[in-house]
Amino acid sequence: MIIAWLWACLTLAFSQQVFAQDTPAQPPKPTKAPKPKSRLKLLRQMQMDLDMASSRAKVDDKDRKKLDKCHEILIDAVAQQQRYKTINGPKVNGCLNDVDKLIEAGVFAEVDRDKLRQDREKLGESLGKVRRFHLPSPL
């Protein structure tokens, strides 16, 4: 009886080792990369941030017209994206370049500049063309 019990224990231990070797260790499942924000959300975010920043911006009449024009372009782009699932890329890029010029000119508060730069970068990536306007550095 004791021999049968020992035999059963040894058989069980041996079979567990064999089966443990047969089953390969499961690699951890890779986590999915976070989805980028949709272009529509990015356009709306840029529009809201530009509206907030433009109300506090220190600009002259010429720059105010640029801000108003950019505001209109972003409203049109949101409507086009909702309706046609596409936008006029060159027009939006021109608007973003105008915003870059105003940022470099220092018309926005520092907090607004940071938010607009972040929005501009994300929106530029969404458009597929990251063409940031660079002013020449002073000597």
N, C-alpha and C. Protein backbone atom coordinates (compact mmCIF):
# COMPACT_ATOMS: atom_id res chain seq x y z
N MET A 1 0.81 -1.18 0.00
CA MET A 1 0.00 0.00 0.00
C MET A 1 0.86 1.25 0.00
N ILE A 2 1.88 1.24 0.84
CA ILE A 2 2.77 2.40 0.88
C ILE A 2 3.51 2.54 -0.44
N ILE A 3 3.87 1.40 -1.00
CA ILE A 3 4.57 1.45 -2.27
C ILE A 3 3.65 2.01 -3.36
N ALA A 4 2.40 1.64 -3.36
CA ALA A 4 1.46 2.17 -4.34
C ALA A 4 1.26 3.67 -4.16
N TRP A 5 1.22 4.08 -2.91
CA TRP A 5 1.06 5.51 -2.64
C TRP A 5 2.29 6.29 -3.11
N LEU A 6 3.49 5.79 -2.82
CA LEU A 6 4.72 6.43 -3.28
C LEU A 6 4.78 6.46 -4.81
N TRP A 7 4.37 5.35 -5.41
CA TRP A 7 4.37 5.29 -6.87
C TRP A 7 3.42 6.35 -7.46
N ALA A 8 2.26 6.52 -6.89
CA ALA A 8 1.30 7.51 -7.36
C ALA A 8 1.84 8.92 -7.18
N CYS A 9 2.50 9.19 -6.07
CA CYS A 9 3.08 10.53 -5.83
C CYS A 9 4.20 10.82 -6.81
N LEU A 10 5.06 9.85 -7.06
CA LEU A 10 6.16 10.05 -8.01
C LEU A 10 5.63 10.25 -9.42
N THR A 11 4.64 9.48 -9.79
CA THR A 11 4.04 9.61 -11.11
C THR A 11 3.40 10.98 -11.27
N LEU A 12 2.72 11.43 -10.27
CA LEU A 12 2.06 12.73 -10.31
C LEU A 12 3.10 13.86 -10.41
N ALA A 13 4.15 13.79 -9.62
CA ALA A 13 5.19 14.82 -9.66
C ALA A 13 5.88 14.83 -11.01
N PHE A 14 6.19 13.65 -11.55
CA PHE A 14 6.85 13.56 -12.85
C PHE A 14 5.96 14.10 -13.96
N SER A 15 4.68 13.77 -13.92
CA SER A 15 3.77 14.24 -14.97
C SER A 15 3.60 15.76 -14.91
N GLN A 16 3.62 16.33 -13.72
CA GLN A 16 3.49 17.78 -13.62
C GLN A 16 4.72 18.47 -14.21
N GLN A 17 5.91 17.90 -14.01
CA GLN A 17 7.11 18.48 -14.60
C GLN A 17 7.09 18.37 -16.11
N VAL A 18 6.66 17.24 -16.63
CA VAL A 18 6.61 17.03 -18.08
C VAL A 18 5.61 17.99 -18.71
N PHE A 19 4.43 18.11 -18.14
CA PHE A 19 3.42 19.00 -18.70
C PHE A 19 3.82 20.47 -18.56
N ALA A 20 4.54 20.79 -17.51
CA ALA A 20 4.98 22.17 -17.34
C ALA A 20 5.99 22.54 -18.42
N GLN A 21 6.80 21.57 -18.86
CA GLN A 21 7.77 21.83 -19.92
C GLN A 21 7.10 21.88 -21.28
N ASP A 22 6.02 21.12 -21.47
CA ASP A 22 5.35 21.09 -22.76
C ASP A 22 4.60 22.38 -23.07
N THR A 23 4.06 22.99 -22.05
CA THR A 23 3.29 24.21 -22.30
C THR A 23 4.23 25.41 -22.23
N PRO A 24 4.39 26.11 -23.35
CA PRO A 24 5.30 27.26 -23.34
C PRO A 24 4.69 28.40 -22.52
N ALA A 25 5.57 29.17 -21.95
CA ALA A 25 5.11 30.31 -21.15
C ALA A 25 4.45 31.33 -22.08
N GLN A 26 3.31 31.81 -21.70
CA GLN A 26 2.58 32.78 -22.51
C GLN A 26 3.24 34.16 -22.37
N PRO A 27 3.64 34.75 -23.48
CA PRO A 27 4.21 36.09 -23.38
C PRO A 27 3.10 37.08 -23.00
N PRO A 28 3.47 38.13 -22.29
CA PRO A 28 2.43 39.09 -21.91
C PRO A 28 1.86 39.77 -23.16
N LYS A 29 0.57 40.01 -23.12
CA LYS A 29 -0.07 40.64 -24.27
C LYS A 29 0.40 42.09 -24.37
N PRO A 30 0.77 42.50 -25.57
CA PRO A 30 1.22 43.89 -25.71
C PRO A 30 0.04 44.85 -25.53
N THR A 31 0.30 45.95 -24.88
CA THR A 31 -0.76 46.93 -24.70
C THR A 31 -0.86 47.78 -25.96
N LYS A 32 -2.05 48.16 -26.28
CA LYS A 32 -2.27 48.96 -27.47
C LYS A 32 -1.79 50.38 -27.23
N ALA A 33 -1.28 50.96 -28.29
CA ALA A 33 -0.88 52.36 -28.20
C ALA A 33 -2.13 53.21 -28.07
N PRO A 34 -2.07 54.31 -27.34
CA PRO A 34 -3.27 55.13 -27.21
C PRO A 34 -3.65 55.73 -28.56
N LYS A 35 -4.94 55.78 -28.80
CA LYS A 35 -5.43 56.33 -30.06
C LYS A 35 -5.17 57.83 -30.09
N PRO A 36 -4.73 58.32 -31.23
CA PRO A 36 -4.59 59.77 -31.33
C PRO A 36 -5.97 60.42 -31.38
N LYS A 37 -6.01 61.66 -30.95
CA LYS A 37 -7.29 62.36 -30.99
C LYS A 37 -7.72 62.53 -32.44
N SER A 38 -9.01 62.54 -32.64
CA SER A 38 -9.50 62.71 -33.99
C SER A 38 -9.24 64.14 -34.44
N ARG A 39 -9.19 64.31 -35.73
CA ARG A 39 -8.92 65.62 -36.30
C ARG A 39 -10.00 66.62 -35.88
N LEU A 40 -11.22 66.15 -35.80
CA LEU A 40 -12.32 67.03 -35.40
C LEU A 40 -12.10 67.55 -33.98
N LYS A 41 -11.72 66.67 -33.07
CA LYS A 41 -11.45 67.10 -31.70
C LYS A 41 -10.28 68.07 -31.65
N LEU A 42 -9.25 67.79 -32.45
CA LEU A 42 -8.09 68.69 -32.47
C LEU A 42 -8.46 70.06 -33.01
N LEU A 43 -9.28 70.10 -34.05
CA LEU A 43 -9.72 71.38 -34.61
C LEU A 43 -10.53 72.16 -33.59
N ARG A 44 -11.44 71.47 -32.91
CA ARG A 44 -12.25 72.15 -31.90
C ARG A 44 -11.40 72.66 -30.75
N GLN A 45 -10.42 71.85 -30.32
CA GLN A 45 -9.54 72.27 -29.24
C GLN A 45 -8.73 73.50 -29.65
N MET A 46 -8.22 73.48 -30.87
CA MET A 46 -7.45 74.63 -31.36
C MET A 46 -8.33 75.87 -31.43
N GLN A 47 -9.55 75.70 -31.89
CA GLN A 47 -10.48 76.82 -31.99
C GLN A 47 -10.77 77.41 -30.61
N MET A 48 -11.05 76.55 -29.64
CA MET A 48 -11.34 77.03 -28.29
C MET A 48 -10.14 77.75 -27.67
N ASP A 49 -8.97 77.14 -27.82
CA ASP A 49 -7.77 77.74 -27.24
C ASP A 49 -7.42 79.06 -27.92
N LEU A 50 -7.63 79.13 -29.23
CA LEU A 50 -7.36 80.37 -29.94
C LEU A 50 -8.35 81.46 -29.51
N ASP A 51 -9.60 81.09 -29.32
CA ASP A 51 -10.60 82.06 -28.86
C ASP A 51 -10.23 82.62 -27.48
N MET A 52 -9.84 81.72 -26.58
CA MET A 52 -9.46 82.17 -25.24
C MET A 52 -8.21 83.05 -25.30
N ALA A 53 -7.24 82.64 -26.11
CA ALA A 53 -5.99 83.41 -26.19
C ALA A 53 -6.19 84.74 -26.88
N SER A 54 -7.04 84.76 -27.90
CA SER A 54 -7.22 86.01 -28.65
C SER A 54 -7.95 87.07 -27.83
N SER A 55 -8.77 86.63 -26.88
CA SER A 55 -9.46 87.61 -26.04
C SER A 55 -8.49 88.32 -25.10
N ARG A 56 -7.37 87.64 -24.76
CA ARG A 56 -6.37 88.23 -23.88
C ARG A 56 -5.15 88.75 -24.61
N ALA A 57 -5.11 88.59 -25.94
CA ALA A 57 -3.93 88.97 -26.72
C ALA A 57 -3.82 90.49 -26.85
N LYS A 58 -2.58 90.95 -26.91
CA LYS A 58 -2.31 92.37 -27.12
C LYS A 58 -1.90 92.55 -28.58
N VAL A 59 -2.89 92.86 -29.42
CA VAL A 59 -2.64 92.95 -30.86
C VAL A 59 -3.17 94.27 -31.41
N ASP A 60 -2.63 94.65 -32.58
CA ASP A 60 -3.15 95.83 -33.26
C ASP A 60 -4.25 95.39 -34.22
N ASP A 61 -4.77 96.34 -35.00
CA ASP A 61 -5.90 96.04 -35.90
C ASP A 61 -5.54 94.99 -36.94
N LYS A 62 -4.33 95.09 -37.49
CA LYS A 62 -3.91 94.14 -38.53
C LYS A 62 -3.85 92.71 -37.98
N ASP A 63 -3.25 92.57 -36.81
CA ASP A 63 -3.15 91.23 -36.20
C ASP A 63 -4.51 90.74 -35.73
N ARG A 64 -5.38 91.65 -35.31
CA ARG A 64 -6.73 91.25 -34.91
C ARG A 64 -7.48 90.65 -36.09
N LYS A 65 -7.27 91.24 -37.29
CA LYS A 65 -7.91 90.70 -38.49
C LYS A 65 -7.39 89.29 -38.79
N LYS A 66 -6.07 89.09 -38.57
CA LYS A 66 -5.51 87.75 -38.78
C LYS A 66 -6.14 86.74 -37.82
N LEU A 67 -6.28 87.16 -36.56
CA LEU A 67 -6.89 86.26 -35.58
C LEU A 67 -8.34 85.95 -35.94
N ASP A 68 -9.08 86.97 -36.35
CA ASP A 68 -10.48 86.76 -36.74
C ASP A 68 -10.58 85.85 -37.96
N LYS A 69 -9.68 86.05 -38.92
CA LYS A 69 -9.68 85.21 -40.12
C LYS A 69 -9.35 83.76 -39.77
N CYS A 70 -8.39 83.59 -38.89
CA CYS A 70 -8.02 82.24 -38.46
C CYS A 70 -9.18 81.59 -37.71
N HIS A 71 -9.87 82.37 -36.90
CA HIS A 71 -11.05 81.86 -36.19
C HIS A 71 -12.09 81.36 -37.19
N GLU A 72 -12.34 82.13 -38.23
CA GLU A 72 -13.31 81.72 -39.26
C GLU A 72 -12.84 80.46 -39.99
N ILE A 73 -11.56 80.40 -40.30
CA ILE A 73 -11.02 79.23 -41.00
C ILE A 73 -11.21 77.98 -40.15
N LEU A 74 -10.96 78.09 -38.86
CA LEU A 74 -11.12 76.92 -37.98
C LEU A 74 -12.59 76.52 -37.86
N ILE A 75 -13.49 77.50 -37.81
CA ILE A 75 -14.93 77.16 -37.78
C ILE A 75 -15.32 76.43 -39.06
N ASP A 76 -14.84 76.94 -40.21
CA ASP A 76 -15.13 76.27 -41.49
C ASP A 76 -14.53 74.87 -41.53
N ALA A 77 -13.32 74.73 -41.00
CA ALA A 77 -12.66 73.42 -41.02
C ALA A 77 -13.43 72.41 -40.17
N VAL A 78 -13.95 72.86 -39.02
CA VAL A 78 -14.75 71.97 -38.17
C VAL A 78 -16.00 71.53 -38.92
N ALA A 79 -16.66 72.48 -39.57
CA ALA A 79 -17.87 72.15 -40.32
C ALA A 79 -17.56 71.21 -41.48
N GLN A 80 -16.46 71.45 -42.19
CA GLN A 80 -16.09 70.58 -43.31
C GLN A 80 -15.75 69.18 -42.81
N GLN A 81 -15.04 69.11 -41.70
CA GLN A 81 -14.67 67.80 -41.17
C GLN A 81 -15.90 67.01 -40.75
N GLN A 82 -16.87 67.70 -40.17
CA GLN A 82 -18.10 67.01 -39.78
C GLN A 82 -18.89 66.54 -40.99
N ARG A 83 -18.95 67.39 -41.99
CA ARG A 83 -19.81 67.10 -43.13
C ARG A 83 -19.15 66.20 -44.16
N TYR A 84 -17.92 66.53 -44.54
CA TYR A 84 -17.27 65.83 -45.66
C TYR A 84 -16.13 64.92 -45.23
N LYS A 85 -15.79 64.93 -43.94
CA LYS A 85 -14.68 64.12 -43.41
C LYS A 85 -13.33 64.54 -44.01
N THR A 86 -13.23 65.75 -44.50
CA THR A 86 -11.99 66.29 -45.02
C THR A 86 -12.00 67.80 -44.85
N ILE A 87 -10.83 68.40 -44.90
CA ILE A 87 -10.73 69.85 -44.74
C ILE A 87 -9.81 70.42 -45.81
N ASN A 88 -9.80 71.74 -45.93
CA ASN A 88 -8.90 72.42 -46.83
C ASN A 88 -7.56 72.59 -46.10
N GLY A 89 -6.67 71.65 -46.31
CA GLY A 89 -5.40 71.61 -45.59
C GLY A 89 -4.54 72.83 -45.76
N PRO A 90 -4.32 73.31 -46.99
CA PRO A 90 -3.48 74.49 -47.15
C PRO A 90 -4.02 75.73 -46.44
N LYS A 91 -5.33 75.86 -46.43
CA LYS A 91 -5.94 77.00 -45.74
C LYS A 91 -5.70 76.92 -44.23
N VAL A 92 -5.87 75.73 -43.66
CA VAL A 92 -5.65 75.55 -42.24
C VAL A 92 -4.17 75.71 -41.91
N ASN A 93 -3.28 75.19 -42.77
CA ASN A 93 -1.85 75.38 -42.54
C ASN A 93 -1.47 76.85 -42.57
N GLY A 94 -2.08 77.62 -43.48
CA GLY A 94 -1.82 79.05 -43.52
C GLY A 94 -2.26 79.73 -42.23
N CYS A 95 -3.40 79.30 -41.73
CA CYS A 95 -3.89 79.83 -40.46
C CYS A 95 -2.93 79.49 -39.34
N LEU A 96 -2.46 78.25 -39.30
CA LEU A 96 -1.54 77.83 -38.25
C LEU A 96 -0.22 78.60 -38.34
N ASN A 97 0.23 78.89 -39.56
CA ASN A 97 1.45 79.67 -39.73
C ASN A 97 1.25 81.10 -39.22
N ASP A 98 0.07 81.66 -39.46
CA ASP A 98 -0.22 83.00 -38.92
C ASP A 98 -0.19 82.99 -37.40
N VAL A 99 -0.74 81.94 -36.81
CA VAL A 99 -0.71 81.82 -35.35
C VAL A 99 0.73 81.70 -34.86
N ASP A 100 1.55 80.93 -35.59
CA ASP A 100 2.97 80.81 -35.22
C ASP A 100 3.67 82.17 -35.25
N LYS A 101 3.38 82.96 -36.26
CA LYS A 101 3.99 84.29 -36.36
C LYS A 101 3.59 85.15 -35.17
N LEU A 102 2.32 85.08 -34.80
CA LEU A 102 1.84 85.87 -33.67
C LEU A 102 2.43 85.36 -32.36
N ILE A 103 2.61 84.06 -32.25
CA ILE A 103 3.24 83.51 -31.04
C ILE A 103 4.68 84.02 -30.93
N GLU A 104 5.40 83.97 -32.05
CA GLU A 104 6.79 84.43 -32.04
C GLU A 104 6.88 85.93 -31.78
N ALA A 105 5.85 86.68 -32.18
CA ALA A 105 5.84 88.12 -31.93
C ALA A 105 5.54 88.43 -30.47
N GLY A 106 5.06 87.46 -29.72
CA GLY A 106 4.83 87.63 -28.30
C GLY A 106 3.53 88.32 -27.95
N VAL A 107 2.50 88.16 -28.77
CA VAL A 107 1.23 88.83 -28.49
C VAL A 107 0.36 88.06 -27.49
N PHE A 108 0.69 86.79 -27.26
CA PHE A 108 -0.10 85.97 -26.36
C PHE A 108 0.60 85.84 -25.00
N ALA A 109 -0.20 85.58 -23.98
CA ALA A 109 0.37 85.30 -22.66
C ALA A 109 1.10 83.96 -22.71
N GLU A 110 2.00 83.75 -21.77
CA GLU A 110 2.84 82.55 -21.79
C GLU A 110 2.03 81.26 -21.73
N VAL A 111 1.01 81.22 -20.90
CA VAL A 111 0.16 80.03 -20.78
C VAL A 111 -0.54 79.76 -22.11
N ASP A 112 -1.05 80.82 -22.73
CA ASP A 112 -1.73 80.67 -24.01
C ASP A 112 -0.76 80.20 -25.10
N ARG A 113 0.45 80.73 -25.08
CA ARG A 113 1.45 80.33 -26.07
C ARG A 113 1.72 78.84 -25.99
N ASP A 114 1.88 78.34 -24.77
CA ASP A 114 2.17 76.91 -24.61
C ASP A 114 1.03 76.05 -25.13
N LYS A 115 -0.20 76.42 -24.78
CA LYS A 115 -1.36 75.64 -25.25
C LYS A 115 -1.48 75.70 -26.76
N LEU A 116 -1.29 76.88 -27.35
CA LEU A 116 -1.40 77.01 -28.80
C LEU A 116 -0.30 76.23 -29.51
N ARG A 117 0.89 76.22 -28.95
CA ARG A 117 1.97 75.44 -29.56
C ARG A 117 1.66 73.95 -29.52
N GLN A 118 1.14 73.48 -28.39
CA GLN A 118 0.78 72.06 -28.28
C GLN A 118 -0.32 71.71 -29.27
N ASP A 119 -1.35 72.55 -29.33
CA ASP A 119 -2.45 72.30 -30.27
C ASP A 119 -1.96 72.32 -31.70
N ARG A 120 -1.09 73.26 -32.00
CA ARG A 120 -0.58 73.41 -33.36
C ARG A 120 0.24 72.17 -33.76
N GLU A 121 1.03 71.67 -32.84
CA GLU A 121 1.85 70.50 -33.13
C GLU A 121 0.97 69.28 -33.38
N LYS A 122 -0.02 69.06 -32.52
CA LYS A 122 -0.91 67.91 -32.68
C LYS A 122 -1.75 68.02 -33.95
N LEU A 123 -2.24 69.21 -34.22
CA LEU A 123 -3.05 69.41 -35.42
C LEU A 123 -2.20 69.28 -36.67
N GLY A 124 -0.98 69.77 -36.62
CA GLY A 124 -0.07 69.62 -37.76
C GLY A 124 0.21 68.17 -38.07
N GLU A 125 0.39 67.35 -37.02
CA GLU A 125 0.59 65.92 -37.22
C GLU A 125 -0.65 65.28 -37.83
N SER A 126 -1.81 65.73 -37.41
CA SER A 126 -3.05 65.18 -37.92
C SER A 126 -3.24 65.54 -39.40
N LEU A 127 -2.79 66.72 -39.76
CA LEU A 127 -2.91 67.14 -41.16
C LEU A 127 -1.89 66.44 -42.04
N GLY A 128 -0.86 65.90 -41.42
CA GLY A 128 0.14 65.20 -42.21
C GLY A 128 1.28 66.08 -42.65
N LYS A 129 1.22 67.35 -42.36
CA LYS A 129 2.28 68.27 -42.75
C LYS A 129 2.63 69.12 -41.53
N VAL A 130 3.79 68.87 -40.99
CA VAL A 130 4.22 69.69 -39.87
C VAL A 130 5.16 70.73 -40.44
N ARG A 131 4.60 71.81 -40.89
CA ARG A 131 5.38 72.90 -41.47
C ARG A 131 5.28 74.11 -40.57
N ARG A 132 6.09 74.10 -39.59
CA ARG A 132 6.06 75.20 -38.64
C ARG A 132 6.85 76.35 -39.20
N PHE A 133 6.32 77.53 -39.09
CA PHE A 133 6.97 78.74 -39.56
C PHE A 133 8.06 79.10 -38.57
N HIS A 134 9.30 79.28 -39.07
CA HIS A 134 10.41 79.66 -38.22
C HIS A 134 10.91 81.02 -38.63
N LEU A 135 10.96 81.92 -37.68
CA LEU A 135 11.55 83.23 -37.93
C LEU A 135 13.06 83.12 -37.79
N PRO A 136 13.80 83.92 -38.57
CA PRO A 136 15.24 83.89 -38.40
C PRO A 136 15.61 84.41 -37.02
N SER A 137 16.60 83.77 -36.43
CA SER A 137 17.00 84.20 -35.08
C SER A 137 17.83 85.48 -35.16
N PRO A 138 17.68 86.36 -34.20
CA PRO A 138 18.45 87.60 -34.23
C PRO A 138 19.93 87.32 -34.03
N LEU A 139 20.75 88.17 -34.61
CA LEU A 139 22.21 87.98 -34.50
C LEU A 139 22.75 88.44 -33.20
